[in-house]
PDB file of N, CA and C in Angstrom:
ATOM      1  N   MET A   1      35.270  -2.172   2.593  1.00  0.00           N
ATOM      2  CA  MET A   1      34.484  -1.248   3.365  1.00  0.00           C
ATOM      3  C   MET A   1      33.081  -1.161   2.783  1.00  0.00           C
ATOM      4  N   THR A   2      32.094  -1.229   3.648  1.00  0.00           N
ATOM      5  CA  THR A   2      30.703  -1.139   3.194  1.00  0.00           C
ATOM      6  C   THR A   2      30.256   0.317   3.198  1.00  0.00           C
ATOM      7  N   PRO A   3      29.188   0.624   2.514  1.00  0.00           N
ATOM      8  CA  PRO A   3      28.676   2.002   2.546  1.00  0.00           C
ATOM      9  C   PRO A   3      28.350   2.458   3.967  1.00  0.00           C
ATOM     10  N   ARG A   4      27.921   1.520   4.816  1.00  0.00           N
ATOM     11  CA  ARG A   4      27.611   1.889   6.205  1.00  0.00           C
ATOM     12  C   ARG A   4      28.877   2.319   6.945  1.00  0.00           C
ATOM     13  N   ASP A   5      30.003   1.635   6.698  1.00  0.00           N
ATOM     14  CA  ASP A   5      31.267   2.025   7.315  1.00  0.00           C
ATOM     15  C   ASP A   5      31.665   3.431   6.894  1.00  0.00           C
ATOM     16  N   ASN A   6      31.503   3.746   5.617  1.00  0.00           N
ATOM     17  CA  ASN A   6      31.820   5.098   5.152  1.00  0.00           C
ATOM     18  C   ASN A   6      30.914   6.132   5.817  1.00  0.00           C
ATOM     19  N   GLU A   7      29.643   5.747   5.980  1.00  0.00           N
ATOM     20  CA  GLU A   7      28.705   6.661   6.625  1.00  0.00           C
ATOM     21  C   GLU A   7      29.099   6.911   8.083  1.00  0.00           C
ATOM     22  N   GLN A   8      29.457   5.840   8.794  1.00  0.00           N
ATOM     23  CA  GLN A   8      29.852   5.981  10.193  1.00  0.00           C
ATOM     24  C   GLN A   8      31.151   6.763  10.318  1.00  0.00           C
ATOM     25  N   ALA A   9      32.045   6.601   9.388  1.00  0.00           N
ATOM     26  CA  ALA A   9      33.313   7.325   9.442  1.00  0.00           C
ATOM     27  C   ALA A   9      33.107   8.819   9.253  1.00  0.00           C
ATOM     28  N   SER A  10      32.016   9.210   8.614  1.00  0.00           N
ATOM     29  CA  SER A  10      31.778  10.632   8.395  1.00  0.00           C
ATOM     30  C   SER A  10      31.037  11.293   9.548  1.00  0.00           C
ATOM     31  N   TRP A  11      30.612  10.504  10.563  1.00  0.00           N
ATOM     32  CA  TRP A  11      29.921  11.095  11.707  1.00  0.00           C
ATOM     33  C   TRP A  11      30.876  11.957  12.516  1.00  0.00           C
ATOM     34  N   PRO A  12      30.395  13.034  13.103  1.00  0.00           N
ATOM     35  CA  PRO A  12      31.224  13.793  14.037  1.00  0.00           C
ATOM     36  C   PRO A  12      31.526  12.919  15.264  1.00  0.00           C
ATOM     37  N   LEU A  13      32.604  13.219  15.950  1.00  0.00           N
ATOM     38  CA  LEU A  13      33.048  12.399  17.079  1.00  0.00           C
ATOM     39  C   LEU A  13      31.989  12.330  18.170  1.00  0.00           C
ATOM     40  N   ASP A  14      31.343  13.441  18.506  1.00  0.00           N
ATOM     41  CA  ASP A  14      30.361  13.412  19.587  1.00  0.00           C
ATOM     42  C   ASP A  14      29.137  12.553  19.231  1.00  0.00           C
ATOM     43  N   GLN A  15      28.756  12.519  17.974  1.00  0.00           N
ATOM     44  CA  GLN A  15      27.634  11.686  17.560  1.00  0.00           C
ATOM     45  C   GLN A  15      28.037  10.211  17.619  1.00  0.00           C
ATOM     46  N   ALA A  16      29.258   9.887  17.241  1.00  0.00           N
ATOM     47  CA  ALA A  16      29.719   8.501  17.298  1.00  0.00           C
ATOM     48  C   ALA A  16      29.795   8.017  18.739  1.00  0.00           C
ATOM     49  N   VAL A  17      30.266   8.867  19.643  1.00  0.00           N
ATOM     50  CA  VAL A  17      30.360   8.480  21.051  1.00  0.00           C
ATOM     51  C   VAL A  17      28.969   8.274  21.635  1.00  0.00           C
ATOM     52  N   SER A  18      28.032   9.169  21.298  1.00  0.00           N
ATOM     53  CA  SER A  18      26.684   9.030  21.846  1.00  0.00           C
ATOM     54  C   SER A  18      26.012   7.760  21.333  1.00  0.00           C
ATOM     55  N   ARG A  19      26.284   7.366  20.095  1.00  0.00           N
ATOM     56  CA  ARG A  19      25.703   6.132  19.574  1.00  0.00           C
ATOM     57  C   ARG A  19      26.323   4.903  20.247  1.00  0.00           C
ATOM     58  N   ASN A  20      27.577   4.990  20.660  1.00  0.00           N
ATOM     59  CA  ASN A  20      28.222   3.868  21.338  1.00  0.00           C
ATOM     60  C   ASN A  20      27.793   3.767  22.797  1.00  0.00           C
ATOM     61  N   LEU A  21      27.363   4.855  23.406  1.00  0.00           N
ATOM     62  CA  LEU A  21      26.971   4.840  24.813  1.00  0.00           C
ATOM     63  C   LEU A  21      25.500   4.500  25.014  1.00  0.00           C
ATOM     64  N   PHE A  22      24.702   4.578  23.982  1.00  0.00           N
ATOM     65  CA  PHE A  22      23.272   4.353  24.131  1.00  0.00           C
ATOM     66  C   PHE A  22      22.932   2.949  24.636  1.00  0.00           C
ATOM     67  N   PRO A  23      23.459   1.863  24.073  1.00  0.00           N
ATOM     68  CA  PRO A  23      23.087   0.524  24.575  1.00  0.00           C
ATOM     69  C   PRO A  23      23.458   0.289  26.045  1.00  0.00           C
ATOM     70  N   PRO A  24      24.675   0.672  26.502  1.00  0.00           N
ATOM     71  CA  PRO A  24      24.955   0.461  27.921  1.00  0.00           C
ATOM     72  C   PRO A  24      24.064   1.310  28.836  1.00  0.00           C
ATOM     73  N   MET A  25      23.761   2.528  28.417  1.00  0.00           N
ATOM     74  CA  MET A  25      22.899   3.379  29.235  1.00  0.00           C
ATOM     75  C   MET A  25      21.487   2.798  29.294  1.00  0.00           C
ATOM     76  N   LEU A  26      21.016   2.250  28.190  1.00  0.00           N
ATOM     77  CA  LEU A  26      19.706   1.620  28.168  1.00  0.00           C
ATOM     78  C   LEU A  26      19.695   0.384  29.074  1.00  0.00           C
ATOM     79  N   GLY A  27      20.776  -0.371  29.066  1.00  0.00           N
ATOM     80  CA  GLY A  27      20.888  -1.536  29.942  1.00  0.00           C
ATOM     81  C   GLY A  27      20.885  -1.161  31.412  1.00  0.00           C
ATOM     82  N   LEU A  28      21.614  -0.104  31.762  1.00  0.00           N
ATOM     83  CA  LEU A  28      21.625   0.356  33.155  1.00  0.00           C
ATOM     84  C   LEU A  28      20.253   0.841  33.586  1.00  0.00           C
ATOM     85  N   ALA A  29      19.561   1.531  32.706  1.00  0.00           N
ATOM     86  CA  ALA A  29      18.209   1.992  33.026  1.00  0.00           C
ATOM     87  C   ALA A  29      17.284   0.790  33.243  1.00  0.00           C
ATOM     88  N   GLY A  30      17.442  -0.254  32.447  1.00  0.00           N
ATOM     89  CA  GLY A  30      16.635  -1.461  32.616  1.00  0.00           C
ATOM     90  C   GLY A  30      16.910  -2.155  33.936  1.00  0.00           C
ATOM     91  N   ILE A  31      18.174  -2.232  34.324  1.00  0.00           N
ATOM     92  CA  ILE A  31      18.535  -2.836  35.606  1.00  0.00           C
ATOM     93  C   ILE A  31      17.952  -2.013  36.750  1.00  0.00           C
ATOM     94  N   GLY A  32      18.036  -0.697  36.629  1.00  0.00           N
ATOM     95  CA  GLY A  32      17.464   0.171  37.658  1.00  0.00           C
ATOM     96  C   GLY A  32      15.957  -0.003  37.762  1.00  0.00           C
ATOM     97  N   LEU A  33      15.287  -0.132  36.642  1.00  0.00           N
ATOM     98  CA  LEU A  33      13.839  -0.331  36.641  1.00  0.00           C
ATOM     99  C   LEU A  33      13.480  -1.675  37.277  1.00  0.00           C
ATOM    100  N   LEU A  34      14.250  -2.693  36.988  1.00  0.00           N
ATOM    101  CA  LEU A  34      14.013  -4.000  37.586  1.00  0.00           C
ATOM    102  C   LEU A  34      14.223  -3.957  39.105  1.00  0.00           C
ATOM    103  N   ALA A  35      15.300  -3.300  39.552  1.00  0.00           N
ATOM    104  CA  ALA A  35      15.561  -3.184  40.984  1.00  0.00           C
ATOM    105  C   ALA A  35      14.438  -2.413  41.679  1.00  0.00           C
ATOM    106  N   PHE A  36      13.950  -1.365  41.038  1.00  0.00           N
ATOM    107  CA  PHE A  36      12.857  -0.602  41.619  1.00  0.00           C
ATOM    108  C   PHE A  36      11.600  -1.454  41.731  1.00  0.00           C
ATOM    109  N   ALA A  37      11.307  -2.255  40.710  1.00  0.00           N
ATOM    110  CA  ALA A  37      10.113  -3.106  40.736  1.00  0.00           C
ATOM    111  C   ALA A  37      10.202  -4.133  41.858  1.00  0.00           C
ATOM    112  N   VAL A  38      11.375  -4.720  42.046  1.00  0.00           N
ATOM    113  CA  VAL A  38      11.551  -5.694  43.128  1.00  0.00           C
ATOM    114  C   VAL A  38      11.336  -5.016  44.472  1.00  0.00           C
ATOM    115  N   TRP A  39      11.858  -3.815  44.628  1.00  0.00           N
ATOM    116  CA  TRP A  39      11.686  -3.085  45.878  1.00  0.00           C
ATOM    117  C   TRP A  39      10.229  -2.669  46.082  1.00  0.00           C
ATOM    118  N   ALA A  40       9.604  -2.132  45.039  1.00  0.00           N
ATOM    119  CA  ALA A  40       8.255  -1.590  45.157  1.00  0.00           C
ATOM    120  C   ALA A  40       7.218  -2.687  45.409  1.00  0.00           C
ATOM    121  N   PHE A  41       7.365  -3.821  44.769  1.00  0.00           N
ATOM    122  CA  PHE A  41       6.379  -4.884  44.920  1.00  0.00           C
ATOM    123  C   PHE A  41       6.740  -5.860  46.033  1.00  0.00           C
ATOM    124  N   GLY A  42       7.862  -5.625  46.714  1.00  0.00           N
ATOM    125  CA  GLY A  42       8.231  -6.461  47.843  1.00  0.00           C
ATOM    126  C   GLY A  42       8.512  -7.889  47.462  1.00  0.00           C
ATOM    127  N   LEU A  43       9.197  -8.093  46.351  1.00  0.00           N
ATOM    128  CA  LEU A  43       9.467  -9.453  45.900  1.00  0.00           C
ATOM    129  C   LEU A  43      10.604 -10.124  46.655  1.00  0.00           C
ATOM    130  N   SER A  44      11.321  -9.365  47.463  1.00  0.00           N
ATOM    131  CA  SER A  44      12.372  -9.991  48.252  1.00  0.00           C
ATOM    132  C   SER A  44      11.728 -10.665  49.457  1.00  0.00           C
ATOM    133  N   ASN A  45      12.280 -11.755  49.890  1.00  0.00           N
ATOM    134  CA  ASN A  45      11.682 -12.580  50.933  1.00  0.00           C
ATOM    135  C   ASN A  45      12.319 -12.253  52.280  1.00  0.00           C
ATOM    136  N   THR A  46      12.163 -11.021  52.751  1.00  0.00           N
ATOM    137  CA  THR A  46      12.742 -10.609  54.017  1.00  0.00           C
ATOM    138  C   THR A  46      11.636 -10.352  55.023  1.00  0.00           C
ATOM    139  N   PRO A  47      11.943 -10.489  56.313  1.00  0.00           N
ATOM    140  CA  PRO A  47      10.928 -10.232  57.333  1.00  0.00           C
ATOM    141  C   PRO A  47      10.470  -8.772  57.308  1.00  0.00           C
ATOM    142  N   LEU A  48       9.221  -8.562  57.673  1.00  0.00           N
ATOM    143  CA  LEU A  48       8.662  -7.225  57.697  1.00  0.00           C
ATOM    144  C   LEU A  48       8.996  -6.513  59.001  1.00  0.00           C
ATOM    145  N   GLY A  49       8.802  -5.200  59.018  1.00  0.00           N
ATOM    146  CA  GLY A  49       9.075  -4.410  60.213  1.00  0.00           C
ATOM    147  C   GLY A  49       8.205  -4.819  61.386  1.00  0.00           C
ATOM    148  N   ALA A  50       6.961  -5.224  61.113  1.00  0.00           N
ATOM    149  CA  ALA A  50       6.061  -5.630  62.197  1.00  0.00           C
ATOM    150  C   ALA A  50       6.595  -6.872  62.902  1.00  0.00           C
ATOM    151  N   GLU A  51       7.206  -7.770  62.147  1.00  0.00           N
ATOM    152  CA  GLU A  51       7.771  -8.975  62.761  1.00  0.00           C
ATOM    153  C   GLU A  51       8.956  -8.622  63.652  1.00  0.00           C
ATOM    154  N   PHE A  52       9.763  -7.647  63.218  1.00  0.00           N
ATOM    155  CA  PHE A  52      10.874  -7.201  64.064  1.00  0.00           C
ATOM    156  C   PHE A  52      10.365  -6.532  65.329  1.00  0.00           C
ATOM    157  N   LEU A  53       9.280  -5.773  65.204  1.00  0.00           N
ATOM    158  CA  LEU A  53       8.715  -5.107  66.383  1.00  0.00           C
ATOM    159  C   LEU A  53       8.199  -6.123  67.401  1.00  0.00           C
ATOM    160  N   GLN A  54       7.609  -7.208  66.925  1.00  0.00           N
ATOM    161  CA  GLN A  54       7.148  -8.240  67.845  1.00  0.00           C
ATOM    162  C   GLN A  54       8.315  -8.828  68.624  1.00  0.00           C
ATOM    163  N   CYS A  55       9.423  -9.073  67.944  1.00  0.00           N
ATOM    164  CA  CYS A  55      10.593  -9.636  68.616  1.00  0.00           C
ATOM    165  C   CYS A  55      11.203  -8.625  69.595  1.00  0.00           C
ATOM    166  N   SER A  56      11.242  -7.375  69.199  1.00  0.00           N
ATOM    167  CA  SER A  56      11.866  -6.380  70.073  1.00  0.00           C
ATOM    168  C   SER A  56      11.047  -6.114  71.329  1.00  0.00           C
ATOM    169  N   ALA A  57       9.762  -6.468  71.330  1.00  0.00           N
ATOM    170  CA  ALA A  57       8.909  -6.259  72.501  1.00  0.00           C
ATOM    171  C   ALA A  57       9.118  -7.330  73.570  1.00  0.00           C
ATOM    172  N   ILE A  58       9.823  -8.400  73.238  1.00  0.00           N
ATOM    173  CA  ILE A  58      10.056  -9.484  74.197  1.00  0.00           C
ATOM    174  C   ILE A  58      11.151  -9.054  75.165  1.00  0.00           C
ATOM    175  N   ASN A  59      10.860  -9.169  76.476  1.00  0.00           N
ATOM    176  CA  ASN A  59      11.818  -8.718  77.500  1.00  0.00           C
ATOM    177  C   ASN A  59      12.906  -9.744  77.784  1.00  0.00           C
ATOM    178  N   ASP A  60      12.573 -11.015  77.730  1.00  0.00           N
ATOM    179  CA  ASP A  60      13.553 -12.064  78.025  1.00  0.00           C
ATOM    180  C   ASP A  60      14.575 -12.133  76.892  1.00  0.00           C
ATOM    181  N   ASP A  61      15.861 -11.993  77.241  1.00  0.00           N
ATOM    182  CA  ASP A  61      16.915 -11.954  76.221  1.00  0.00           C
ATOM    183  C   ASP A  61      16.949 -13.218  75.362  1.00  0.00           C
ATOM    184  N   HIS A  62      16.882 -14.373  76.023  1.00  0.00           N
ATOM    185  CA  HIS A  62      16.979 -15.628  75.276  1.00  0.00           C
ATOM    186  C   HIS A  62      15.781 -15.789  74.333  1.00  0.00           C
ATOM    187  N   ALA A  63      14.598 -15.497  74.827  1.00  0.00           N
ATOM    188  CA  ALA A  63      13.397 -15.630  73.995  1.00  0.00           C
ATOM    189  C   ALA A  63      13.425 -14.633  72.834  1.00  0.00           C
ATOM    190  N   ARG A  64      13.942 -13.429  73.062  1.00  0.00           N
ATOM    191  CA  ARG A  64      14.034 -12.432  71.991  1.00  0.00           C
ATOM    192  C   ARG A  64      14.994 -12.895  70.903  1.00  0.00           C
ATOM    193  N   LEU A  65      16.138 -13.457  71.306  1.00  0.00           N
ATOM    194  CA  LEU A  65      17.088 -13.961  70.318  1.00  0.00           C
ATOM    195  C   LEU A  65      16.517 -15.140  69.536  1.00  0.00           C
ATOM    196  N   VAL A  66      15.750 -16.000  70.200  1.00  0.00           N
ATOM    197  CA  VAL A  66      15.104 -17.119  69.507  1.00  0.00           C
ATOM    198  C   VAL A  66      14.112 -16.579  68.483  1.00  0.00           C
ATOM    199  N   CYS A  67      13.383 -15.511  68.846  1.00  0.00           N
ATOM    200  CA  CYS A  67      12.434 -14.898  67.919  1.00  0.00           C
ATOM    201  C   CYS A  67      13.166 -14.367  66.683  1.00  0.00           C
ATOM    202  N   TYR A  68      14.270 -13.658  66.897  1.00  0.00           N
ATOM    203  CA  TYR A  68      15.053 -13.142  65.758  1.00  0.00           C
ATOM    204  C   TYR A  68      15.619 -14.280  64.915  1.00  0.00           C
ATOM    205  N   ASP A  69      16.070 -15.348  65.579  1.00  0.00           N
ATOM    206  CA  ASP A  69      16.588 -16.497  64.828  1.00  0.00           C
ATOM    207  C   ASP A  69      15.501 -17.132  63.968  1.00  0.00           C
ATOM    208  N   ASN A  70      14.270 -17.183  64.479  1.00  0.00           N
ATOM    209  CA  ASN A  70      13.164 -17.749  63.700  1.00  0.00           C
ATOM    210  C   ASN A  70      12.857 -16.892  62.480  1.00  0.00           C
ATOM    211  N   LEU A  71      13.027 -15.574  62.607  1.00  0.00           N
ATOM    212  CA  LEU A  71      12.823 -14.705  61.448  1.00  0.00           C
ATOM    213  C   LEU A  71      13.879 -14.950  60.380  1.00  0.00           C
ATOM    214  N   ASN A  72      15.063 -15.328  60.810  1.00  0.00           N
ATOM    215  CA  ASN A  72      16.182 -15.504  59.889  1.00  0.00           C
ATOM    216  C   ASN A  72      16.389 -16.972  59.512  1.00  0.00           C
ATOM    217  N   SER A  73      15.375 -17.788  59.724  1.00  0.00           N
ATOM    218  CA  SER A  73      15.521 -19.211  59.403  1.00  0.00           C
ATOM    219  C   SER A  73      15.685 -19.391  57.897  1.00  0.00           C
ATOM    220  N   PRO A  74      16.390 -20.435  57.490  1.00  0.00           N
ATOM    221  CA  PRO A  74      16.563 -20.662  56.052  1.00  0.00           C
ATOM    222  C   PRO A  74      15.216 -20.882  55.375  1.00  0.00           C
ATOM    223  N   ARG A  75      15.078 -20.332  54.205  1.00  0.00           N
ATOM    224  CA  ARG A  75      13.847 -20.464  53.428  1.00  0.00           C
ATOM    225  C   ARG A  75      14.121 -21.308  52.191  1.00  0.00           C
ATOM    226  N   GLN A  76      13.069 -21.909  51.696  1.00  0.00           N
ATOM    227  CA  GLN A  76      13.184 -22.713  50.486  1.00  0.00           C
ATOM    228  C   GLN A  76      13.494 -21.794  49.309  1.00  0.00           C
ATOM    229  N   PRO A  77      14.513 -22.099  48.506  1.00  0.00           N
ATOM    230  CA  PRO A  77      14.804 -21.249  47.352  1.00  0.00           C
ATOM    231  C   PRO A  77      13.682 -21.336  46.313  1.00  0.00           C
ATOM    232  N   ALA A  78      13.620 -20.347  45.468  1.00  0.00           N
ATOM    233  CA  ALA A  78      12.609 -20.315  44.415  1.00  0.00           C
ATOM    234  C   ALA A  78      12.769 -21.521  43.501  1.00  0.00           C
ATOM    235  N   LYS A  79      11.682 -21.919  42.863  1.00  0.00           N
ATOM    236  CA  LYS A  79      11.718 -23.082  41.969  1.00  0.00           C
ATOM    237  C   LYS A  79      12.711 -22.825  40.842  1.00  0.00           C
ATOM    238  N   GLY A  80      13.635 -23.733  40.669  1.00  0.00           N
ATOM    239  CA  GLY A  80      14.641 -23.603  39.627  1.00  0.00           C
ATOM    240  C   GLY A  80      15.904 -22.898  40.087  1.00  0.00           C
ATOM    241  N   ALA A  81      15.887 -22.316  41.293  1.00  0.00           N
ATOM    242  CA  ALA A  81      17.072 -21.619  41.801  1.00  0.00           C
ATOM    243  C   ALA A  81      17.993 -22.621  42.493  1.00  0.00           C
ATOM    244  N   LEU A  82      19.246 -22.292  42.520  1.00  0.00           N
ATOM    245  CA  LEU A  82      20.205 -23.134  43.226  1.00  0.00           C
ATOM    246  C   LEU A  82      20.125 -22.834  44.714  1.00  0.00           C
ATOM    247  N   GLY A  83      19.983 -23.861  45.520  1.00  0.00           N
ATOM    248  CA  GLY A  83      19.926 -23.690  46.959  1.00  0.00           C
ATOM    249  C   GLY A  83      21.318 -23.555  47.537  1.00  0.00           C
ATOM    250  N   PRO A  84      21.402 -23.214  48.825  1.00  0.00           N
ATOM    251  CA  PRO A  84      22.703 -23.097  49.461  1.00  0.00           C
ATOM    252  C   PRO A  84      23.378 -24.463  49.545  1.00  0.00           C
ATOM    253  N   LEU A  85      24.668 -24.450  49.500  1.00  0.00           N
ATOM    254  CA  LEU A  85      25.429 -25.697  49.592  1.00  0.00           C
ATOM    255  C   LEU A  85      25.396 -26.208  51.026  1.00  0.00           C
ATOM    256  N   PRO A  86      25.331 -27.503  51.198  1.00  0.00           N
ATOM    257  CA  PRO A  86      25.349 -28.037  52.573  1.00  0.00           C
ATOM    258  C   PRO A  86      26.719 -27.790  53.196  1.00  0.00           C
ATOM    259  N   PRO A  87      26.761 -27.650  54.512  1.00  0.00           N
ATOM    260  CA  PRO A  87      28.052 -27.399  55.165  1.00  0.00           C
ATOM    261  C   PRO A  87      28.994 -28.594  54.992  1.00  0.00           C
ATOM    262  N   HIS A  88      30.264 -28.303  54.901  1.00  0.00           N
ATOM    263  CA  HIS A  88      31.282 -29.344  54.752  1.00  0.00           C
ATOM    264  C   HIS A  88      31.642 -29.875  56.130  1.00  0.00           C
ATOM    265  N   LEU A  89      31.405 -31.145  56.337  1.00  0.00           N
ATOM    266  CA  LEU A  89      31.729 -31.764  57.626  1.00  0.00           C
ATOM    267  C   LEU A  89      32.994 -32.598  57.468  1.00  0.00           C
ATOM    268  N   PRO A  90      33.989 -32.364  58.327  1.00  0.00           N
ATOM    269  CA  PRO A  90      35.245 -33.130  58.204  1.00  0.00           C
ATOM    270  C   PRO A  90      35.103 -34.572  58.601  1.00  0.00           C
TER     271      PRO A  90
END
């Protein structure tokens, strides 16, 4: 047993639990901060509301669906990211 082990063994239970919970809580806070930054700076590659409004203004059903399909077209993945797998053809 090291002197540090003896020191930790003498801690009250609530202090020991709080020291064990600090790293996971810090990690969750970091993940939350990262998610907020992605949301706030618009780093996700999704169509904007104005683009949806343009499609919704089209009266012809077929043309409106084509507009929505164009908004949802596959995009090139980020550099270094894994792209979607090609469909399996029998």
